[in-house]
N, C-alpha and C. Protein backbone atom coordinates (compact mmCIF):
# COMPACT_ATOMS: atom_id res chain seq x y z
N MET A 1 117.21 -16.23 -117.31
CA MET A 1 116.31 -16.25 -116.14
C MET A 1 114.92 -15.86 -116.40
N GLY A 2 113.76 -16.63 -115.80
CA GLY A 2 112.64 -16.16 -116.22
C GLY A 2 112.15 -15.26 -115.14
N ARG A 3 110.59 -14.68 -115.43
CA ARG A 3 110.35 -14.11 -114.72
C ARG A 3 109.91 -14.60 -113.46
N GLN A 4 110.25 -14.08 -112.19
CA GLN A 4 110.03 -14.43 -110.95
C GLN A 4 108.50 -14.59 -110.62
N THR A 5 107.95 -15.57 -109.88
CA THR A 5 106.57 -15.84 -109.14
C THR A 5 106.52 -15.03 -108.15
N LYS A 6 105.19 -14.59 -107.40
CA LYS A 6 105.10 -13.82 -106.24
C LYS A 6 106.08 -14.30 -105.22
N ALA A 7 105.77 -15.95 -105.07
CA ALA A 7 106.05 -16.70 -104.33
C ALA A 7 108.00 -16.54 -104.13
N GLU A 8 108.36 -16.77 -105.12
CA GLU A 8 109.71 -16.62 -105.51
C GLU A 8 110.07 -15.45 -104.83
N ARG A 9 109.68 -14.14 -105.23
CA ARG A 9 110.04 -12.81 -104.87
C ARG A 9 109.87 -12.49 -103.34
N ALA A 10 108.96 -13.37 -102.58
CA ALA A 10 108.75 -13.38 -101.39
C ALA A 10 109.74 -14.30 -100.47
N LEU A 11 110.59 -15.01 -101.32
CA LEU A 11 111.58 -15.87 -100.96
C LEU A 11 112.53 -15.60 -100.71
N ARG A 12 113.02 -14.50 -101.50
CA ARG A 12 114.43 -13.81 -101.47
C ARG A 12 114.65 -13.36 -99.97
N GLY A 13 116.13 -13.64 -99.47
CA GLY A 13 116.34 -13.31 -98.06
C GLY A 13 116.66 -14.56 -97.68
N GLY A 14 116.61 -15.63 -98.25
CA GLY A 14 117.25 -16.81 -97.85
C GLY A 14 116.54 -17.63 -96.25
N THR A 15 117.03 -17.63 -95.33
CA THR A 15 116.69 -18.05 -94.37
C THR A 15 115.80 -16.99 -93.29
N ARG A 16 115.41 -16.17 -93.70
CA ARG A 16 115.11 -15.05 -92.71
C ARG A 16 113.62 -15.55 -92.67
N HIS A 17 112.89 -15.10 -91.48
CA HIS A 17 111.57 -15.37 -90.80
C HIS A 17 110.51 -14.79 -92.04
N TRP A 18 109.40 -15.29 -92.19
CA TRP A 18 108.48 -14.92 -93.47
C TRP A 18 107.32 -14.41 -92.68
N THR A 19 107.07 -13.14 -93.28
CA THR A 19 105.91 -12.49 -92.86
C THR A 19 104.39 -13.26 -93.02
N VAL A 20 103.43 -12.86 -92.23
CA VAL A 20 102.38 -13.62 -92.87
C VAL A 20 102.11 -13.44 -94.09
N ALA A 21 102.11 -12.23 -94.95
CA ALA A 21 101.74 -11.92 -96.34
C ALA A 21 102.75 -12.68 -96.95
N GLU A 22 103.98 -13.04 -96.77
CA GLU A 22 105.11 -13.60 -97.49
C GLU A 22 104.30 -15.24 -97.38
N ALA A 23 104.39 -15.85 -96.29
CA ALA A 23 103.87 -17.16 -96.35
C ALA A 23 102.46 -17.39 -96.80
N LYS A 24 101.35 -16.66 -96.91
CA LYS A 24 100.29 -16.57 -97.45
C LYS A 24 100.28 -16.78 -99.13
N CYS A 25 101.44 -15.77 -99.47
CA CYS A 25 101.59 -15.58 -100.93
C CYS A 25 102.24 -17.15 -101.32
N VAL A 26 103.13 -17.83 -100.60
CA VAL A 26 103.66 -18.80 -101.05
C VAL A 26 102.80 -19.95 -101.03
N LEU A 27 101.92 -20.04 -100.12
CA LEU A 27 100.90 -20.97 -100.18
C LEU A 27 99.83 -20.83 -101.04
N ASP A 28 99.34 -19.60 -101.42
CA ASP A 28 98.45 -19.61 -102.45
C ASP A 28 99.21 -20.16 -103.80
N GLU A 29 100.33 -20.16 -104.08
CA GLU A 29 101.21 -20.16 -105.29
C GLU A 29 101.27 -22.20 -105.14
N TRP A 30 101.36 -22.49 -104.07
CA TRP A 30 101.33 -24.05 -104.06
C TRP A 30 100.16 -24.22 -104.17
N LYS A 31 99.11 -23.95 -103.52
CA LYS A 31 97.57 -24.51 -103.73
C LYS A 31 96.89 -24.27 -105.26
N ALA A 32 97.61 -23.14 -106.03
CA ALA A 32 97.20 -23.20 -107.38
C ALA A 32 98.01 -24.02 -108.42
N SER A 33 99.01 -24.61 -107.89
CA SER A 33 99.81 -25.49 -108.50
C SER A 33 99.03 -26.85 -108.52
N GLY A 34 98.45 -27.00 -107.52
CA GLY A 34 97.68 -28.34 -107.81
C GLY A 34 98.69 -29.65 -107.41
N ILE A 35 99.67 -29.51 -107.10
CA ILE A 35 100.95 -30.53 -106.84
C ILE A 35 101.00 -30.57 -105.45
N PRO A 36 101.30 -31.75 -104.86
CA PRO A 36 101.79 -32.12 -103.34
C PRO A 36 102.83 -31.12 -103.03
N LEU A 37 102.51 -30.75 -101.52
CA LEU A 37 103.39 -29.39 -100.84
C LEU A 37 104.48 -30.18 -101.07
N GLY A 38 105.15 -31.30 -100.78
CA GLY A 38 106.46 -31.75 -100.72
C GLY A 38 107.04 -31.60 -102.18
N THR A 39 106.14 -31.67 -103.15
CA THR A 39 106.77 -31.91 -104.76
C THR A 39 107.23 -30.33 -104.87
N PHE A 40 106.24 -29.31 -104.27
CA PHE A 40 106.05 -27.96 -104.59
C PHE A 40 107.25 -27.46 -103.84
N ALA A 41 107.48 -27.72 -102.62
CA ALA A 41 108.76 -27.31 -101.80
C ALA A 41 110.06 -27.75 -102.36
N ARG A 42 110.28 -28.68 -103.12
CA ARG A 42 111.42 -29.10 -103.69
C ARG A 42 111.74 -28.51 -104.88
N GLN A 43 110.62 -28.26 -105.96
CA GLN A 43 110.94 -27.48 -106.92
C GLN A 43 111.15 -26.09 -106.74
N LYS A 44 110.75 -25.55 -105.57
CA LYS A 44 110.90 -24.19 -105.23
C LYS A 44 112.24 -23.81 -104.50
N GLY A 45 113.15 -25.24 -104.05
CA GLY A 45 113.98 -25.29 -103.21
C GLY A 45 113.62 -24.80 -101.62
N LEU A 46 112.65 -25.17 -101.24
CA LEU A 46 112.19 -24.73 -99.87
C LEU A 46 111.90 -25.81 -98.94
N ASN A 47 112.23 -25.63 -97.83
CA ASN A 47 112.00 -26.79 -96.92
C ASN A 47 110.39 -27.20 -96.48
N ASP A 48 109.86 -28.26 -96.97
CA ASP A 48 108.31 -28.83 -96.95
C ASP A 48 108.06 -28.42 -95.35
N THR A 49 108.99 -28.40 -94.34
CA THR A 49 108.25 -28.30 -92.73
C THR A 49 107.76 -27.08 -92.56
N ARG A 50 108.57 -25.98 -93.16
CA ARG A 50 108.44 -24.49 -93.02
C ARG A 50 106.89 -24.46 -93.83
N LEU A 51 106.89 -24.92 -94.69
CA LEU A 51 105.37 -24.61 -95.54
C LEU A 51 104.41 -25.59 -94.90
N ARG A 52 104.59 -26.50 -94.09
CA ARG A 52 103.70 -27.34 -93.42
C ARG A 52 103.02 -26.47 -92.15
N TRP A 53 104.27 -25.75 -91.79
CA TRP A 53 104.34 -25.37 -90.04
C TRP A 53 103.43 -24.21 -90.33
N TRP A 54 103.50 -23.34 -91.77
CA TRP A 54 102.68 -21.98 -91.95
C TRP A 54 101.42 -22.47 -92.61
N LYS A 55 101.35 -23.46 -93.15
CA LYS A 55 99.99 -24.11 -93.33
C LYS A 55 99.00 -24.54 -92.31
N THR A 56 99.62 -24.84 -91.11
CA THR A 56 99.01 -25.33 -90.00
C THR A 56 98.53 -24.02 -89.11
N ARG A 57 99.62 -23.36 -89.17
CA ARG A 57 99.55 -21.90 -88.53
C ARG A 57 98.47 -20.90 -89.15
N LEU A 58 98.21 -20.99 -90.31
CA LEU A 58 97.45 -20.22 -91.07
C LEU A 58 96.03 -20.71 -91.28
N GLY A 59 95.87 -21.98 -91.31
CA GLY A 59 94.60 -22.59 -91.31
C GLY A 59 93.95 -22.60 -92.48
N ASP A 60 92.93 -22.05 -92.92
CA ASP A 60 92.54 -21.60 -93.98
C ASP A 60 92.71 -20.36 -94.46
N TRP A 61 93.92 -19.84 -94.77
CA TRP A 61 94.52 -18.75 -94.98
C TRP A 61 93.70 -17.92 -95.73
N GLY A 62 92.75 -18.17 -96.47
CA GLY A 62 91.87 -17.24 -97.31
C GLY A 62 91.04 -16.60 -96.52
N GLY A 63 90.74 -17.43 -95.14
CA GLY A 63 90.12 -16.09 -94.36
C GLY A 63 90.54 -16.06 -93.19
N GLY A 64 91.87 -16.34 -92.69
CA GLY A 64 92.51 -15.96 -91.70
C GLY A 64 92.54 -17.27 -91.03
N VAL A 65 92.26 -16.98 -89.33
CA VAL A 65 92.69 -18.18 -88.42
C VAL A 65 91.56 -19.24 -88.66
N SER A 66 91.97 -20.62 -88.83
CA SER A 66 91.23 -21.89 -88.96
C SER A 66 90.59 -21.84 -87.60
N LEU A 67 88.89 -22.37 -87.84
CA LEU A 67 88.33 -22.63 -86.80
C LEU A 67 88.65 -23.45 -85.65
N ALA A 68 89.41 -24.48 -86.29
CA ALA A 68 90.23 -25.44 -85.17
C ALA A 68 91.08 -24.73 -84.27
N ARG A 69 91.67 -23.75 -84.66
CA ARG A 69 92.65 -22.62 -83.88
C ARG A 69 92.23 -21.69 -83.29
N ALA A 70 90.92 -20.93 -83.73
CA ALA A 70 90.30 -20.15 -83.38
C ALA A 70 90.06 -19.87 -81.69
N PRO A 71 90.20 -18.51 -81.16
CA PRO A 71 89.79 -18.75 -79.91
C PRO A 71 88.38 -18.86 -79.72
N ALA A 72 87.99 -19.54 -78.69
CA ALA A 72 86.70 -19.31 -78.37
C ALA A 72 86.39 -19.10 -76.80
N PHE A 73 84.87 -18.77 -76.54
CA PHE A 73 84.84 -18.56 -75.34
C PHE A 73 83.81 -19.55 -74.81
N ILE A 74 84.16 -20.13 -73.87
CA ILE A 74 83.68 -21.55 -73.12
C ILE A 74 82.85 -21.06 -71.97
N PRO A 75 81.71 -21.12 -72.00
CA PRO A 75 80.85 -20.86 -70.83
C PRO A 75 81.21 -21.62 -69.74
N ALA A 76 81.27 -20.90 -68.39
CA ALA A 76 81.74 -21.48 -67.20
C ALA A 76 80.41 -21.47 -66.21
N VAL A 77 80.74 -22.40 -65.37
CA VAL A 77 79.38 -22.92 -64.70
C VAL A 77 80.13 -22.61 -63.44
N VAL A 78 79.79 -22.02 -62.29
CA VAL A 78 79.88 -21.89 -60.78
C VAL A 78 78.93 -22.86 -60.26
N ARG A 79 79.53 -23.66 -59.36
CA ARG A 79 79.00 -24.59 -59.21
C ARG A 79 78.45 -24.29 -57.52
N GLU A 80 79.25 -23.62 -56.62
CA GLU A 80 78.75 -23.26 -55.37
C GLU A 80 79.83 -21.81 -55.03
N VAL A 81 79.10 -21.21 -54.39
CA VAL A 81 80.07 -19.97 -53.78
C VAL A 81 80.07 -20.02 -52.38
N VAL A 82 81.45 -19.84 -51.92
CA VAL A 82 81.74 -20.15 -50.81
C VAL A 82 82.15 -18.82 -50.18
N GLU A 83 81.38 -18.28 -49.24
CA GLU A 83 81.90 -16.81 -48.65
C GLU A 83 82.28 -17.18 -47.14
N ALA A 84 83.77 -16.77 -46.98
CA ALA A 84 84.37 -16.89 -45.95
C ALA A 84 85.12 -15.78 -45.66
N ALA A 85 85.35 -14.87 -45.00
CA ALA A 85 86.67 -13.86 -44.38
C ALA A 85 87.76 -14.02 -44.92
N ASN A 86 88.46 -15.01 -44.76
CA ASN A 86 90.03 -15.15 -44.95
C ASN A 86 90.32 -16.41 -45.73
N THR A 87 89.26 -17.26 -46.31
CA THR A 87 89.46 -18.83 -47.00
C THR A 87 89.17 -18.19 -48.63
N SER A 88 89.99 -19.09 -49.01
CA SER A 88 89.78 -19.15 -50.68
C SER A 88 89.48 -20.29 -51.29
N ALA A 89 88.22 -20.77 -51.65
CA ALA A 89 87.82 -22.04 -52.03
C ALA A 89 88.82 -22.75 -53.46
N PRO A 90 89.05 -23.77 -53.60
CA PRO A 90 89.70 -24.47 -54.67
C PRO A 90 88.84 -24.06 -55.83
N VAL A 91 89.64 -23.90 -57.15
CA VAL A 91 89.02 -23.46 -58.38
C VAL A 91 89.40 -24.93 -59.15
N THR A 92 88.29 -25.59 -59.95
CA THR A 92 88.56 -26.30 -61.10
C THR A 92 88.26 -25.83 -62.32
N VAL A 93 89.12 -25.99 -63.11
CA VAL A 93 88.98 -25.61 -64.68
C VAL A 93 89.04 -27.21 -65.68
N ARG A 94 88.00 -27.25 -66.29
CA ARG A 94 87.77 -28.26 -67.01
C ARG A 94 87.74 -28.35 -68.64
N LEU A 95 88.79 -28.58 -69.16
CA LEU A 95 88.86 -28.60 -70.68
C LEU A 95 88.19 -29.33 -71.45
N ARG A 96 88.22 -29.32 -72.60
CA ARG A 96 87.61 -30.05 -73.63
C ARG A 96 88.94 -31.02 -73.76
N GLY A 97 88.49 -32.53 -74.00
CA GLY A 97 89.57 -33.45 -73.75
C GLY A 97 89.68 -34.24 -72.57
N GLY A 98 88.92 -33.94 -71.77
CA GLY A 98 89.47 -34.39 -70.29
C GLY A 98 90.25 -33.76 -69.41
N VAL A 99 91.13 -32.78 -69.83
CA VAL A 99 92.08 -32.05 -69.22
C VAL A 99 91.44 -31.18 -67.79
N VAL A 100 91.99 -31.34 -66.47
CA VAL A 100 91.43 -30.73 -65.52
C VAL A 100 92.52 -29.84 -64.67
N VAL A 101 92.25 -28.86 -64.38
CA VAL A 101 93.52 -27.83 -63.68
C VAL A 101 92.58 -27.63 -62.28
N GLU A 102 93.36 -28.12 -61.31
CA GLU A 102 92.79 -27.82 -60.17
C GLU A 102 93.96 -26.76 -59.35
N VAL A 103 93.40 -25.90 -58.69
CA VAL A 103 94.07 -25.04 -57.72
C VAL A 103 93.40 -24.94 -56.60
N GLY A 104 94.32 -25.59 -55.59
CA GLY A 104 93.88 -25.65 -54.41
C GLY A 104 94.11 -24.00 -53.51
N ASP A 105 94.57 -23.27 -54.00
CA ASP A 105 94.73 -21.92 -53.43
C ASP A 105 94.67 -20.99 -54.08
N PRO A 106 93.77 -20.31 -54.80
CA PRO A 106 93.74 -19.47 -55.71
C PRO A 106 94.03 -18.48 -55.53
N ALA A 107 94.39 -18.04 -54.33
CA ALA A 107 94.74 -16.84 -53.60
C ALA A 107 96.51 -16.77 -53.88
N SER A 108 97.17 -17.69 -54.17
CA SER A 108 98.42 -17.94 -54.37
C SER A 108 98.78 -17.97 -55.37
N VAL A 109 98.10 -17.90 -56.34
CA VAL A 109 97.94 -18.29 -57.99
C VAL A 109 97.46 -16.79 -58.69
N SER A 110 98.50 -16.20 -59.54
CA SER A 110 98.20 -15.17 -60.44
C SER A 110 97.25 -15.61 -61.00
N PRO A 111 96.06 -14.62 -61.58
CA PRO A 111 95.02 -14.85 -62.36
C PRO A 111 95.43 -14.91 -64.07
N VAL A 112 96.66 -14.26 -64.06
CA VAL A 112 97.27 -14.06 -65.61
C VAL A 112 97.82 -15.54 -65.75
N TRP A 113 98.85 -16.11 -64.61
CA TRP A 113 99.38 -16.99 -64.85
C TRP A 113 98.44 -18.38 -64.94
N LEU A 114 97.38 -18.33 -64.35
CA LEU A 114 96.57 -19.22 -64.67
C LEU A 114 95.70 -19.12 -66.08
N THR A 115 95.48 -18.02 -66.48
CA THR A 115 95.03 -17.99 -68.12
C THR A 115 96.28 -18.49 -68.93
N ALA A 116 97.37 -18.47 -68.77
CA ALA A 116 98.15 -18.61 -69.59
C ALA A 116 98.42 -20.14 -69.49
N VAL A 117 98.36 -20.97 -68.26
CA VAL A 117 98.33 -22.36 -68.33
C VAL A 117 97.28 -22.70 -68.96
N VAL A 118 95.72 -22.48 -69.15
CA VAL A 118 94.71 -23.23 -69.52
C VAL A 118 94.74 -22.58 -70.74
N SER A 119 95.18 -21.25 -71.42
CA SER A 119 95.33 -21.41 -72.89
C SER A 119 96.33 -21.94 -73.45
N GLY A 120 97.20 -22.44 -72.63
CA GLY A 120 98.67 -23.09 -73.38
C GLY A 120 97.86 -24.86 -73.47
N LEU A 121 97.29 -24.91 -72.33
CA LEU A 121 96.75 -26.20 -72.60
C LEU A 121 95.49 -26.57 -73.47
N SER A 122 94.71 -25.66 -73.81
CA SER A 122 94.07 -25.64 -74.84
C SER A 122 94.08 -25.85 -76.31
N ARG A 123 95.27 -25.05 -76.19
CA ARG A 123 96.12 -25.28 -77.48
C ARG A 123 96.70 -26.57 -77.94
N VAL A 124 97.25 -27.19 -76.96
CA VAL A 124 97.76 -28.66 -76.94
C VAL A 124 96.74 -29.53 -77.31
N GLY A 125 95.39 -29.63 -76.55
CA GLY A 125 94.90 -30.46 -76.73
C GLY A 125 93.79 -30.24 -77.85
C-alpha cells in the first residue's frame, strides 16, 4: 500500500459528511491532476455528484464563495410613501430575472419570513 494523498486521508470515514476543508483538499487534488472530474472521481472511488456539488458550493474555492453565489446588496427604490393611521401599503420586491414578490398586506407578514422568501428566490434564479 502506497502513501495516501491528502485527499485520500480526507476521505477516510466512508459516507460521512465532508467539512469545507476536506472538500477543498479533494477539489485541490482533482484540479492539480488535470483530468476530468468524473475520471478523477472514479479513480478515487468517489461519487462524482458529490464532487460537483462541492465544486458548485465552493465556487472558486481558492478564494471562498464564488461571485455568482456571493450575497449582494441591491439598492431599493421607494416609489411612494403612504401615510395613514391604520393602513398598510402593498410592498413589491423585484428580483433579477424578472421575479416579482408582491405582499398585499405587509402588516400580516413577518419581515423575517419575507426576507427568507426573497433570499431563497434569489438563490434559485
